[in-house]
Amino acid sequence: MSRLPLRPADVAHRLSQRAADPARSGRTAQSDAWKRETFTLPRDEARAKAREAFSRFPKAAYMTEIEWWRELDDGQIEFTIRRLPTAD
């Protein structure tokens, strides 16, 4: 049986269905358990916020990390901190 080529709309539909049903996509509750916070702050305040997050939620217990960051045109830093909601 031959398969028809997928249109972009078919791919988008399949991905949206997969996102709606975590069990079908192979994702577990653990992989979706991350808590993320995104901030946009001046450089010094961004450093202070990151230090505060790491002291409040230690990396060893909460697996805290700066997941993503970038410097904006106006010199501010936009970053996302990822951590587990609770420590085991």
N, C-alpha and C. Protein backbone atom coordinates (compact mmCIF):
# COMPACT_ATOMS: atom_id res chain seq x y z
N MET A 1 0.84 -1.17 0.00
CA MET A 1 0.00 0.00 0.00
C MET A 1 0.88 1.24 0.00
N SER A 2 0.64 2.14 -0.90
CA SER A 2 1.47 3.33 -0.97
C SER A 2 0.88 4.44 -0.10
N ARG A 3 1.75 5.27 0.43
CA ARG A 3 1.32 6.41 1.25
C ARG A 3 1.35 7.66 0.40
N LEU A 4 0.34 8.47 0.58
CA LEU A 4 0.31 9.75 -0.10
C LEU A 4 1.27 10.71 0.61
N PRO A 5 1.89 11.59 -0.14
CA PRO A 5 2.76 12.56 0.53
C PRO A 5 1.96 13.44 1.49
N LEU A 6 2.58 13.77 2.60
CA LEU A 6 1.91 14.59 3.59
C LEU A 6 1.96 16.06 3.21
N ARG A 7 0.84 16.71 3.35
CA ARG A 7 0.79 18.16 3.17
C ARG A 7 1.17 18.81 4.49
N PRO A 8 1.60 20.06 4.47
CA PRO A 8 1.91 20.74 5.73
C PRO A 8 0.72 20.74 6.70
N ALA A 9 -0.49 20.85 6.19
CA ALA A 9 -1.67 20.83 7.05
C ALA A 9 -1.81 19.47 7.74
N ASP A 10 -1.46 18.38 7.03
CA ASP A 10 -1.53 17.05 7.62
C ASP A 10 -0.53 16.91 8.77
N VAL A 11 0.66 17.42 8.54
CA VAL A 11 1.69 17.36 9.57
C VAL A 11 1.27 18.19 10.78
N ALA A 12 0.74 19.38 10.55
CA ALA A 12 0.30 20.25 11.65
C ALA A 12 -0.81 19.58 12.44
N HIS A 13 -1.74 18.94 11.75
CA HIS A 13 -2.84 18.25 12.43
C HIS A 13 -2.31 17.11 13.29
N ARG A 14 -1.41 16.33 12.74
CA ARG A 14 -0.85 15.20 13.47
C ARG A 14 -0.09 15.67 14.71
N LEU A 15 0.67 16.76 14.58
CA LEU A 15 1.41 17.28 15.73
C LEU A 15 0.49 17.85 16.79
N SER A 16 -0.59 18.50 16.38
CA SER A 16 -1.52 19.04 17.37
C SER A 16 -2.24 17.90 18.11
N GLN A 17 -2.54 16.82 17.41
CA GLN A 17 -3.16 15.66 18.07
C GLN A 17 -2.19 15.03 19.06
N ARG A 18 -0.93 14.98 18.69
CA ARG A 18 0.09 14.40 19.56
C ARG A 18 0.27 15.25 20.81
N ALA A 19 0.23 16.57 20.65
CA ALA A 19 0.37 17.47 21.80
C ALA A 19 -0.83 17.38 22.72
N ALA A 20 -2.01 17.12 22.17
CA ALA A 20 -3.22 17.03 22.98
C ALA A 20 -3.28 15.74 23.78
N ASP A 21 -2.59 14.70 23.34
CA ASP A 21 -2.62 13.41 24.02
C ASP A 21 -1.20 12.98 24.37
N PRO A 22 -0.69 13.33 25.57
CA PRO A 22 0.68 13.01 25.95
C PRO A 22 0.98 11.51 25.90
N ALA A 23 -0.01 10.67 26.17
CA ALA A 23 0.23 9.23 26.16
C ALA A 23 0.61 8.74 24.76
N ARG A 24 -0.01 9.31 23.73
CA ARG A 24 0.31 8.92 22.34
C ARG A 24 1.68 9.39 21.91
N SER A 25 2.12 10.50 22.43
CA SER A 25 3.38 11.07 21.97
C SER A 25 4.59 10.44 22.64
N GLY A 26 4.34 9.62 23.68
CA GLY A 26 5.46 9.00 24.37
C GLY A 26 6.00 9.86 25.51
N ARG A 27 5.41 11.03 25.71
CA ARG A 27 5.85 11.87 26.81
C ARG A 27 5.24 11.35 28.10
N THR A 28 5.97 11.52 29.17
CA THR A 28 5.45 11.11 30.48
C THR A 28 5.14 12.35 31.29
N ALA A 29 4.46 12.16 32.40
CA ALA A 29 4.15 13.28 33.28
C ALA A 29 5.43 13.91 33.80
N GLN A 30 6.47 13.11 34.00
CA GLN A 30 7.74 13.65 34.49
C GLN A 30 8.35 14.64 33.50
N SER A 31 8.28 14.36 32.21
CA SER A 31 8.89 15.25 31.23
C SER A 31 8.11 16.55 31.09
N ASP A 32 6.83 16.54 31.48
CA ASP A 32 6.01 17.74 31.41
C ASP A 32 5.94 18.46 32.75
N ALA A 33 6.66 17.99 33.75
CA ALA A 33 6.56 18.52 35.10
C ALA A 33 7.38 19.78 35.32
N TRP A 34 8.13 20.23 34.34
CA TRP A 34 8.99 21.40 34.53
C TRP A 34 8.18 22.66 34.76
N LYS A 35 8.65 23.48 35.65
CA LYS A 35 8.08 24.80 35.89
C LYS A 35 9.03 25.80 35.25
N ARG A 36 8.49 26.66 34.40
CA ARG A 36 9.30 27.63 33.68
C ARG A 36 8.83 29.04 33.99
N GLU A 37 9.78 29.94 34.16
CA GLU A 37 9.49 31.36 34.34
C GLU A 37 10.39 32.14 33.40
N THR A 38 9.81 33.09 32.68
CA THR A 38 10.57 33.91 31.74
C THR A 38 10.60 35.34 32.26
N PHE A 39 11.78 35.95 32.19
CA PHE A 39 11.99 37.31 32.67
C PHE A 39 12.68 38.13 31.60
N THR A 40 12.41 39.42 31.60
CA THR A 40 13.13 40.38 30.77
C THR A 40 13.56 41.51 31.70
N LEU A 41 14.87 41.57 31.96
CA LEU A 41 15.40 42.51 32.94
C LEU A 41 16.71 43.11 32.46
N PRO A 42 17.09 44.27 33.02
CA PRO A 42 18.43 44.80 32.75
C PRO A 42 19.48 43.78 33.23
N ARG A 43 20.66 43.82 32.67
CA ARG A 43 21.69 42.81 32.92
C ARG A 43 21.93 42.54 34.41
N ASP A 44 22.16 43.58 35.21
CA ASP A 44 22.45 43.39 36.63
C ASP A 44 21.28 42.77 37.38
N GLU A 45 20.07 43.22 37.05
CA GLU A 45 18.88 42.65 37.70
C GLU A 45 18.66 41.20 37.26
N ALA A 46 18.99 40.89 36.01
CA ALA A 46 18.86 39.51 35.52
C ALA A 46 19.81 38.59 36.28
N ARG A 47 21.04 39.06 36.50
CA ARG A 47 21.99 38.26 37.28
C ARG A 47 21.48 38.04 38.69
N ALA A 48 20.95 39.10 39.31
CA ALA A 48 20.43 38.99 40.67
C ALA A 48 19.25 38.01 40.72
N LYS A 49 18.36 38.08 39.73
CA LYS A 49 17.20 37.18 39.68
C LYS A 49 17.65 35.73 39.53
N ALA A 50 18.64 35.49 38.68
CA ALA A 50 19.16 34.13 38.49
C ALA A 50 19.79 33.61 39.78
N ARG A 51 20.59 34.45 40.44
CA ARG A 51 21.20 34.04 41.72
C ARG A 51 20.12 33.72 42.75
N GLU A 52 19.09 34.56 42.81
CA GLU A 52 17.99 34.33 43.74
C GLU A 52 17.30 32.99 43.47
N ALA A 53 17.05 32.69 42.21
CA ALA A 53 16.41 31.43 41.84
C ALA A 53 17.27 30.24 42.23
N PHE A 54 18.58 30.32 41.99
CA PHE A 54 19.46 29.20 42.31
C PHE A 54 19.63 29.03 43.82
N SER A 55 19.55 30.13 44.57
CA SER A 55 19.64 29.99 46.03
C SER A 55 18.32 29.48 46.61
N ARG A 56 17.21 29.90 46.05
CA ARG A 56 15.89 29.47 46.54
C ARG A 56 15.57 28.04 46.11
N PHE A 57 15.96 27.68 44.90
CA PHE A 57 15.71 26.35 44.34
C PHE A 57 17.04 25.75 43.89
N PRO A 58 17.81 25.13 44.81
CA PRO A 58 19.15 24.61 44.47
C PRO A 58 19.11 23.62 43.31
N LYS A 59 20.14 23.70 42.50
CA LYS A 59 20.21 22.85 41.31
C LYS A 59 20.17 21.36 41.67
N ALA A 60 20.83 20.99 42.75
CA ALA A 60 20.88 19.58 43.13
C ALA A 60 19.51 19.03 43.49
N ALA A 61 18.65 19.84 44.07
CA ALA A 61 17.33 19.36 44.49
C ALA A 61 16.26 19.58 43.44
N TYR A 62 16.28 20.73 42.77
CA TYR A 62 15.21 21.10 41.84
C TYR A 62 15.63 21.02 40.37
N MET A 63 16.87 20.67 40.12
CA MET A 63 17.42 20.61 38.76
C MET A 63 17.24 21.96 38.05
N THR A 64 17.41 23.03 38.79
CA THR A 64 17.24 24.39 38.27
C THR A 64 18.31 24.68 37.23
N GLU A 65 17.90 25.35 36.15
CA GLU A 65 18.86 25.78 35.13
C GLU A 65 18.29 26.95 34.34
N ILE A 66 19.20 27.72 33.76
CA ILE A 66 18.79 28.75 32.80
C ILE A 66 18.61 28.00 31.50
N GLU A 67 17.37 27.83 31.10
CA GLU A 67 17.07 27.01 29.93
C GLU A 67 17.40 27.75 28.63
N TRP A 68 17.20 29.06 28.64
CA TRP A 68 17.37 29.83 27.41
C TRP A 68 17.59 31.28 27.78
N TRP A 69 18.44 31.98 27.04
CA TRP A 69 18.61 33.41 27.27
C TRP A 69 19.08 34.09 26.00
N ARG A 70 18.84 35.42 25.94
CA ARG A 70 19.33 36.23 24.82
C ARG A 70 19.41 37.68 25.27
N GLU A 71 20.26 38.43 24.59
CA GLU A 71 20.37 39.86 24.86
C GLU A 71 19.53 40.59 23.81
N LEU A 72 18.64 41.44 24.28
CA LEU A 72 17.78 42.20 23.39
C LEU A 72 18.51 43.44 22.88
N ASP A 73 17.96 44.09 21.84
CA ASP A 73 18.58 45.26 21.25
C ASP A 73 18.78 46.40 22.24
N ASP A 74 17.87 46.51 23.22
CA ASP A 74 17.98 47.59 24.19
C ASP A 74 18.91 47.26 25.35
N GLY A 75 19.60 46.13 25.29
CA GLY A 75 20.57 45.74 26.30
C GLY A 75 19.99 44.89 27.42
N GLN A 76 18.69 44.70 27.44
CA GLN A 76 18.09 43.86 28.47
C GLN A 76 18.33 42.39 28.15
N ILE A 77 18.23 41.58 29.18
CA ILE A 77 18.41 40.14 29.04
C ILE A 77 17.05 39.47 29.21
N GLU A 78 16.70 38.64 28.25
CA GLU A 78 15.48 37.83 28.35
C GLU A 78 15.94 36.40 28.60
N PHE A 79 15.40 35.77 29.64
CA PHE A 79 15.83 34.42 29.97
C PHE A 79 14.70 33.62 30.59
N THR A 80 14.83 32.30 30.48
CA THR A 80 13.86 31.37 31.05
C THR A 80 14.57 30.47 32.03
N ILE A 81 14.02 30.41 33.25
CA ILE A 81 14.55 29.52 34.28
C ILE A 81 13.62 28.30 34.35
N ARG A 82 14.23 27.13 34.30
CA ARG A 82 13.47 25.88 34.36
C ARG A 82 13.84 25.13 35.63
N ARG A 83 12.83 24.59 36.31
CA ARG A 83 13.07 23.81 37.52
C ARG A 83 11.92 22.84 37.75
N LEU A 84 12.15 21.87 38.61
CA LEU A 84 11.08 20.99 39.04
C LEU A 84 10.25 21.71 40.09
N PRO A 85 8.95 21.49 40.15
CA PRO A 85 8.12 22.20 41.12
C PRO A 85 8.41 21.83 42.58
N THR A 86 8.85 20.61 42.82
CA THR A 86 9.16 20.17 44.18
C THR A 86 10.45 19.36 44.18
N ALA A 87 11.08 19.31 45.32
CA ALA A 87 12.29 18.50 45.46
C ALA A 87 11.90 17.14 46.02
N ASP A 88 12.57 16.09 45.59
CA ASP A 88 12.29 14.75 46.11
C ASP A 88 13.10 14.47 47.34
